[in-house]
Amino acid sequence: MQNDKGQNVELYIPRRCDWTNRVIDAKDHASVMINVARIDPETGVATGQVDTISLGGYIRSKVICVGSE
C-alpha cells in the first residue's frame, strides 16, 4: 500500500519469482536473488546499475545440471 506521497507503507512486501510469477514465501530458504551488473556497450565498464533477478526454490529444484557428473 502507498500513501499520498507514493511511499510504501507496508511492513512486508512479498517477492515474486521472475520466471513463474509465484509469490516467494518467507520460509522458502532455497530462493535466491541474483544481481547482474549493467555494462556500457562502448567502454565495457560496469555502469553501477544492476538488474535483480529473483528465483524461487521451486524453479531451482527443477534445474538440470549438465556438467555435474
PDB file of N, CA and C in Angstrom:
ATOM      1  N   MET A   1       0.841  -1.164   0.000  1.00  0.00           N
ATOM      2  CA  MET A   1       0.000   0.000   0.000  1.00  0.00           C
ATOM      3  C   MET A   1       0.895   1.239   0.000  1.00  0.00           C
ATOM      4  N   GLN A   2       0.450   2.274  -0.661  1.00  0.00           N
ATOM      5  CA  GLN A   2       1.222   3.512  -0.738  1.00  0.00           C
ATOM      6  C   GLN A   2       0.403   4.665  -0.173  1.00  0.00           C
ATOM      7  N   ASN A   3       1.106   5.631   0.414  1.00  0.00           N
ATOM      8  CA  ASN A   3       0.419   6.815   0.930  1.00  0.00           C
ATOM      9  C   ASN A   3       0.268   7.848  -0.187  1.00  0.00           C
ATOM     10  N   ASP A   4      -0.163   9.058   0.171  1.00  0.00           N
ATOM     11  CA  ASP A   4      -0.406  10.109  -0.825  1.00  0.00           C
ATOM     12  C   ASP A   4       0.862  10.562  -1.537  1.00  0.00           C
ATOM     13  N   LYS A   5       2.016  10.418  -0.879  1.00  0.00           N
ATOM     14  CA  LYS A   5       3.292  10.828  -1.472  1.00  0.00           C
ATOM     15  C   LYS A   5       3.904   9.747  -2.360  1.00  0.00           C
ATOM     16  N   GLY A   6       3.285   8.575  -2.422  1.00  0.00           N
ATOM     17  CA  GLY A   6       3.804   7.489  -3.248  1.00  0.00           C
ATOM     18  C   GLY A   6       4.826   6.619  -2.548  1.00  0.00           C
ATOM     19  N   GLN A   7       4.962   6.758  -1.228  1.00  0.00           N
ATOM     20  CA  GLN A   7       5.914   5.958  -0.466  1.00  0.00           C
ATOM     21  C   GLN A   7       5.244   4.675   0.006  1.00  0.00           C
ATOM     22  N   ASN A   8       6.014   3.567   0.021  1.00  0.00           N
ATOM     23  CA  ASN A   8       5.492   2.302   0.525  1.00  0.00           C
ATOM     24  C   ASN A   8       5.350   2.372   2.037  1.00  0.00           C
ATOM     25  N   VAL A   9       4.202   1.965   2.544  1.00  0.00           N
ATOM     26  CA  VAL A   9       3.964   1.974   3.981  1.00  0.00           C
ATOM     27  C   VAL A   9       3.702   0.569   4.512  1.00  0.00           C
ATOM     28  N   GLU A  10       3.832  -0.441   3.685  1.00  0.00           N
ATOM     29  CA  GLU A  10       3.650  -1.821   4.120  1.00  0.00           C
ATOM     30  C   GLU A  10       4.887  -2.281   4.878  1.00  0.00           C
ATOM     31  N   LEU A  11       4.710  -3.147   5.850  1.00  0.00           N
ATOM     32  CA  LEU A  11       5.848  -3.700   6.564  1.00  0.00           C
ATOM     33  C   LEU A  11       6.489  -4.833   5.777  1.00  0.00           C
ATOM     34  N   TYR A  12       5.697  -5.587   5.038  1.00  0.00           N
ATOM     35  CA  TYR A  12       6.205  -6.741   4.301  1.00  0.00           C
ATOM     36  C   TYR A  12       5.682  -6.687   2.876  1.00  0.00           C
ATOM     37  N   ILE A  13       6.578  -6.641   1.918  1.00  0.00           N
ATOM     38  CA  ILE A  13       6.204  -6.690   0.510  1.00  0.00           C
ATOM     39  C   ILE A  13       6.713  -8.020  -0.036  1.00  0.00           C
ATOM     40  N   PRO A  14       5.827  -8.932  -0.404  1.00  0.00           N
ATOM     41  CA  PRO A  14       6.293 -10.248  -0.853  1.00  0.00           C
ATOM     42  C   PRO A  14       7.030 -10.166  -2.184  1.00  0.00           C
ATOM     43  N   ARG A  15       8.062 -11.003  -2.307  1.00  0.00           N
ATOM     44  CA  ARG A  15       8.798 -11.085  -3.566  1.00  0.00           C
ATOM     45  C   ARG A  15       8.080 -12.053  -4.490  1.00  0.00           C
ATOM     46  N   ARG A  16       8.282 -11.880  -5.781  1.00  0.00           N
ATOM     47  CA  ARG A  16       7.722 -12.790  -6.777  1.00  0.00           C
ATOM     48  C   ARG A  16       8.849 -13.359  -7.608  1.00  0.00           C
ATOM     49  N   CYS A  17       8.700 -14.623  -7.970  1.00  0.00           N
ATOM     50  CA  CYS A  17       9.666 -15.277  -8.837  1.00  0.00           C
ATOM     51  C   CYS A  17       9.549 -14.658 -10.228  1.00  0.00           C
ATOM     52  N   ASP A  18      10.680 -14.259 -10.803  1.00  0.00           N
ATOM     53  CA  ASP A  18      10.656 -13.630 -12.121  1.00  0.00           C
ATOM     54  C   ASP A  18      10.323 -14.626 -13.224  1.00  0.00           C
ATOM     55  N   TRP A  19      10.496 -15.905 -12.988  1.00  0.00           N
ATOM     56  CA  TRP A  19      10.251 -16.911 -14.011  1.00  0.00           C
ATOM     57  C   TRP A  19       8.788 -17.353 -14.024  1.00  0.00           C
ATOM     58  N   THR A  20       8.211 -17.636 -12.832  1.00  0.00           N
ATOM     59  CA  THR A  20       6.853 -18.173 -12.757  1.00  0.00           C
ATOM     60  C   THR A  20       5.831 -17.171 -12.245  1.00  0.00           C
ATOM     61  N   ASN A  21       6.277 -16.043 -11.712  1.00  0.00           N
ATOM     62  CA  ASN A  21       5.417 -15.015 -11.114  1.00  0.00           C
ATOM     63  C   ASN A  21       4.698 -15.514  -9.858  1.00  0.00           C
ATOM     64  N   ARG A  22       5.203 -16.583  -9.242  1.00  0.00           N
ATOM     65  CA  ARG A  22       4.658 -17.058  -7.973  1.00  0.00           C
ATOM     66  C   ARG A  22       5.224 -16.218  -6.835  1.00  0.00           C
ATOM     67  N   VAL A  23       4.459 -16.105  -5.755  1.00  0.00           N
ATOM     68  CA  VAL A  23       4.945 -15.403  -4.571  1.00  0.00           C
ATOM     69  C   VAL A  23       5.980 -16.291  -3.887  1.00  0.00           C
ATOM     70  N   ILE A  24       7.121 -15.709  -3.526  1.00  0.00           N
ATOM     71  CA  ILE A  24       8.164 -16.439  -2.813  1.00  0.00           C
ATOM     72  C   ILE A  24       7.882 -16.284  -1.324  1.00  0.00           C
ATOM     73  N   ASP A  25       7.618 -17.400  -0.652  1.00  0.00           N
ATOM     74  CA  ASP A  25       7.305 -17.372   0.770  1.00  0.00           C
ATOM     75  C   ASP A  25       8.508 -16.932   1.586  1.00  0.00           C
ATOM     76  N   ALA A  26       8.238 -16.426   2.774  1.00  0.00           N
ATOM     77  CA  ALA A  26       9.322 -16.028   3.666  1.00  0.00           C
ATOM     78  C   ALA A  26      10.113 -17.241   4.146  1.00  0.00           C
ATOM     79  N   LYS A  27       9.500 -18.414   4.160  1.00  0.00           N
ATOM     80  CA  LYS A  27      10.167 -19.636   4.617  1.00  0.00           C
ATOM     81  C   LYS A  27      10.850 -20.393   3.486  1.00  0.00           C
ATOM     82  N   ASP A  28      10.839 -19.866   2.278  1.00  0.00           N
ATOM     83  CA  ASP A  28      11.483 -20.526   1.138  1.00  0.00           C
ATOM     84  C   ASP A  28      12.983 -20.232   1.194  1.00  0.00           C
ATOM     85  N   HIS A  29      13.731 -21.118   1.844  1.00  0.00           N
ATOM     86  CA  HIS A  29      15.164 -20.895   2.036  1.00  0.00           C
ATOM     87  C   HIS A  29      15.981 -21.290   0.818  1.00  0.00           C
ATOM     88  N   ALA A  30      15.355 -21.860  -0.205  1.00  0.00           N
ATOM     89  CA  ALA A  30      16.075 -22.227  -1.428  1.00  0.00           C
ATOM     90  C   ALA A  30      16.007 -21.123  -2.476  1.00  0.00           C
ATOM     91  N   SER A  31      15.256 -20.070  -2.220  1.00  0.00           N
ATOM     92  CA  SER A  31      15.134 -18.985  -3.198  1.00  0.00           C
ATOM     93  C   SER A  31      16.389 -18.122  -3.193  1.00  0.00           C
ATOM     94  N   VAL A  32      16.670 -17.508  -4.341  1.00  0.00           N
ATOM     95  CA  VAL A  32      17.853 -16.656  -4.473  1.00  0.00           C
ATOM     96  C   VAL A  32      17.482 -15.365  -5.190  1.00  0.00           C
ATOM     97  N   MET A  33      18.263 -14.323  -4.917  1.00  0.00           N
ATOM     98  CA  MET A  33      18.193 -13.072  -5.663  1.00  0.00           C
ATOM     99  C   MET A  33      19.568 -12.855  -6.274  1.00  0.00           C
ATOM    100  N   ILE A  34      19.615 -12.666  -7.578  1.00  0.00           N
ATOM    101  CA  ILE A  34      20.876 -12.514  -8.293  1.00  0.00           C
ATOM    102  C   ILE A  34      20.931 -11.101  -8.864  1.00  0.00           C
ATOM    103  N   ASN A  35      22.015 -10.392  -8.592  1.00  0.00           N
ATOM    104  CA  ASN A  35      22.237  -9.061  -9.155  1.00  0.00           C
ATOM    105  C   ASN A  35      23.167  -9.184 -10.349  1.00  0.00           C
ATOM    106  N   VAL A  36      22.730  -8.678 -11.503  1.00  0.00           N
ATOM    107  CA  VAL A  36      23.528  -8.701 -12.725  1.00  0.00           C
ATOM    108  C   VAL A  36      23.869  -7.255 -13.073  1.00  0.00           C
ATOM    109  N   ALA A  37      25.155  -6.969 -13.187  1.00  0.00           N
ATOM    110  CA  ALA A  37      25.606  -5.599 -13.454  1.00  0.00           C
ATOM    111  C   ALA A  37      25.326  -5.218 -14.898  1.00  0.00           C
ATOM    112  N   ARG A  38      24.972  -3.959 -15.101  1.00  0.00           N
ATOM    113  CA  ARG A  38      24.817  -3.430 -16.461  1.00  0.00           C
ATOM    114  C   ARG A  38      26.174  -2.948 -16.952  1.00  0.00           C
ATOM    115  N   ILE A  39      26.472  -3.238 -18.210  1.00  0.00           N
ATOM    116  CA  ILE A  39      27.759  -2.903 -18.804  1.00  0.00           C
ATOM    117  C   ILE A  39      27.545  -1.873 -19.908  1.00  0.00           C
ATOM    118  N   ASP A  40      28.394  -0.859 -19.947  1.00  0.00           N
ATOM    119  CA  ASP A  40      28.362   0.133 -21.021  1.00  0.00           C
ATOM    120  C   ASP A  40      28.859  -0.539 -22.296  1.00  0.00           C
ATOM    121  N   PRO A  41      28.058  -0.555 -23.370  1.00  0.00           N
ATOM    122  CA  PRO A  41      28.457  -1.272 -24.589  1.00  0.00           C
ATOM    123  C   PRO A  41      29.672  -0.675 -25.294  1.00  0.00           C
ATOM    124  N   GLU A  42      29.930   0.601 -25.085  1.00  0.00           N
ATOM    125  CA  GLU A  42      31.064   1.235 -25.766  1.00  0.00           C
ATOM    126  C   GLU A  42      32.381   1.022 -25.030  1.00  0.00           C
ATOM    127  N   THR A  43      32.346   1.163 -23.696  1.00  0.00           N
ATOM    128  CA  THR A  43      33.591   1.072 -22.934  1.00  0.00           C
ATOM    129  C   THR A  43      33.815  -0.299 -22.315  1.00  0.00           C
ATOM    130  N   GLY A  44      32.751  -1.081 -22.126  1.00  0.00           N
ATOM    131  CA  GLY A  44      32.883  -2.390 -21.497  1.00  0.00           C
ATOM    132  C   GLY A  44      33.054  -2.322 -19.991  1.00  0.00           C
ATOM    133  N   VAL A  45      32.719  -1.176 -19.396  1.00  0.00           N
ATOM    134  CA  VAL A  45      32.872  -0.966 -17.959  1.00  0.00           C
ATOM    135  C   VAL A  45      31.486  -0.986 -17.312  1.00  0.00           C
ATOM    136  N   ALA A  46      31.412  -1.528 -16.089  1.00  0.00           N
ATOM    137  CA  ALA A  46      30.150  -1.551 -15.355  1.00  0.00           C
ATOM    138  C   ALA A  46      29.696  -0.124 -15.054  1.00  0.00           C
ATOM    139  N   THR A  47      28.392   0.123 -15.217  1.00  0.00           N
ATOM    140  CA  THR A  47      27.848   1.469 -15.033  1.00  0.00           C
ATOM    141  C   THR A  47      27.443   1.757 -13.592  1.00  0.00           C
ATOM    142  N   GLY A  48      27.410   0.747 -12.742  1.00  0.00           N
ATOM    143  CA  GLY A  48      26.969   0.937 -11.362  1.00  0.00           C
ATOM    144  C   GLY A  48      25.509   0.591 -11.163  1.00  0.00           C
ATOM    145  N   GLN A  49      24.791   0.312 -12.236  1.00  0.00           N
ATOM    146  CA  GLN A  49      23.394  -0.097 -12.144  1.00  0.00           C
ATOM    147  C   GLN A  49      23.326  -1.619 -12.220  1.00  0.00           C
ATOM    148  N   VAL A  50      22.331  -2.194 -11.543  1.00  0.00           N
ATOM    149  CA  VAL A  50      22.172  -3.643 -11.546  1.00  0.00           C
ATOM    150  C   VAL A  50      20.727  -4.003 -11.861  1.00  0.00           C
ATOM    151  N   ASP A  51      20.535  -5.177 -12.438  1.00  0.00           N
ATOM    152  CA  ASP A  51      19.218  -5.770 -12.617  1.00  0.00           C
ATOM    153  C   ASP A  51      19.119  -6.934 -11.642  1.00  0.00           C
ATOM    154  N   THR A  52      18.047  -6.982 -10.855  1.00  0.00           N
ATOM    155  CA  THR A  52      17.874  -8.024  -9.855  1.00  0.00           C
ATOM    156  C   THR A  52      16.920  -9.079 -10.387  1.00  0.00           C
ATOM    157  N   ILE A  53      17.336 -10.331 -10.289  1.00  0.00           N
ATOM    158  CA  ILE A  53      16.534 -11.470 -10.724  1.00  0.00           C
ATOM    159  C   ILE A  53      16.212 -12.300  -9.493  1.00  0.00           C
ATOM    160  N   SER A  54      14.931 -12.582  -9.253  1.00  0.00           N
ATOM    161  CA  SER A  54      14.504 -13.401  -8.121  1.00  0.00           C
ATOM    162  C   SER A  54      14.037 -14.750  -8.642  1.00  0.00           C
ATOM    163  N   LEU A  55      14.583 -15.817  -8.077  1.00  0.00           N
ATOM    164  CA  LEU A  55      14.183 -17.171  -8.449  1.00  0.00           C
ATOM    165  C   LEU A  55      13.736 -17.915  -7.201  1.00  0.00           C
ATOM    166  N   GLY A  56      12.572 -18.548  -7.285  1.00  0.00           N
ATOM    167  CA  GLY A  56      12.056 -19.319  -6.167  1.00  0.00           C
ATOM    168  C   GLY A  56      12.708 -20.683  -6.075  1.00  0.00           C
ATOM    169  N   GLY A  57      12.555 -21.310  -4.926  1.00  0.00           N
ATOM    170  CA  GLY A  57      13.115 -22.638  -4.712  1.00  0.00           C
ATOM    171  C   GLY A  57      12.510 -23.682  -5.627  1.00  0.00           C
ATOM    172  N   TYR A  58      11.258 -23.477  -6.046  1.00  0.00           N
ATOM    173  CA  TYR A  58      10.609 -24.420  -6.956  1.00  0.00           C
ATOM    174  C   TYR A  58      11.360 -24.498  -8.276  1.00  0.00           C
ATOM    175  N   ILE A  59      11.747 -23.380  -8.833  1.00  0.00           N
ATOM    176  CA  ILE A  59      12.482 -23.350 -10.103  1.00  0.00           C
ATOM    177  C   ILE A  59      13.876 -23.930  -9.919  1.00  0.00           C
ATOM    178  N   ARG A  60      14.534 -23.599  -8.816  1.00  0.00           N
ATOM    179  CA  ARG A  60      15.884 -24.108  -8.577  1.00  0.00           C
ATOM    180  C   ARG A  60      15.884 -25.619  -8.447  1.00  0.00           C
ATOM    181  N   SER A  61      14.800 -26.218  -7.934  1.00  0.00           N
ATOM    182  CA  SER A  61      14.756 -27.675  -7.784  1.00  0.00           C
ATOM    183  C   SER A  61      14.523 -28.380  -9.115  1.00  0.00           C
ATOM    184  N   LYS A  62      14.040 -27.675 -10.132  1.00  0.00           N
ATOM    185  CA  LYS A  62      13.745 -28.275 -11.432  1.00  0.00           C
ATOM    186  C   LYS A  62      14.894 -28.169 -12.428  1.00  0.00           C
ATOM    187  N   VAL A  63      16.005 -27.554 -12.043  1.00  0.00           N
ATOM    188  CA  VAL A  63      17.126 -27.325 -12.955  1.00  0.00           C
ATOM    189  C   VAL A  63      17.880 -28.621 -13.202  1.00  0.00           C
ATOM    190  N   ILE A  64      18.265 -28.844 -14.463  1.00  0.00           N
ATOM    191  CA  ILE A  64      19.080 -29.998 -14.831  1.00  0.00           C
ATOM    192  C   ILE A  64      20.509 -29.504 -15.021  1.00  0.00           C
ATOM    193  N   CYS A  65      21.428 -30.032 -14.232  1.00  0.00           N
ATOM    194  CA  CYS A  65      22.835 -29.636 -14.330  1.00  0.00           C
ATOM    195  C   CYS A  65      23.529 -30.507 -15.363  1.00  0.00           C
ATOM    196  N   VAL A  66      24.148 -29.899 -16.351  1.00  0.00           N
ATOM    197  CA  VAL A  66      24.799 -30.638 -17.430  1.00  0.00           C
ATOM    198  C   VAL A  66      26.202 -31.078 -17.029  1.00  0.00           C
ATOM    199  N   GLY A  67      26.961 -30.216 -16.383  1.00  0.00           N
ATOM    200  CA  GLY A  67      28.361 -30.506 -16.111  1.00  0.00           C
ATOM    201  C   GLY A  67      28.635 -31.136 -14.759  1.00  0.00           C
ATOM    202  N   SER A  68      27.638 -31.585 -14.027  1.00  0.00           N
ATOM    203  CA  SER A  68      27.863 -32.141 -12.683  1.00  0.00           C
ATOM    204  C   SER A  68      27.848 -33.662 -12.722  1.00  0.00           C
ATOM    205  N   GLU A  69      28.879 -34.245 -13.305  1.00  0.00           N
ATOM    206  CA  GLU A  69      28.916 -35.705 -13.430  1.00  0.00           C
ATOM    207  C   GLU A  69      29.802 -36.314 -12.390  1.00  0.00           C
TER     208      GLU A  69
END
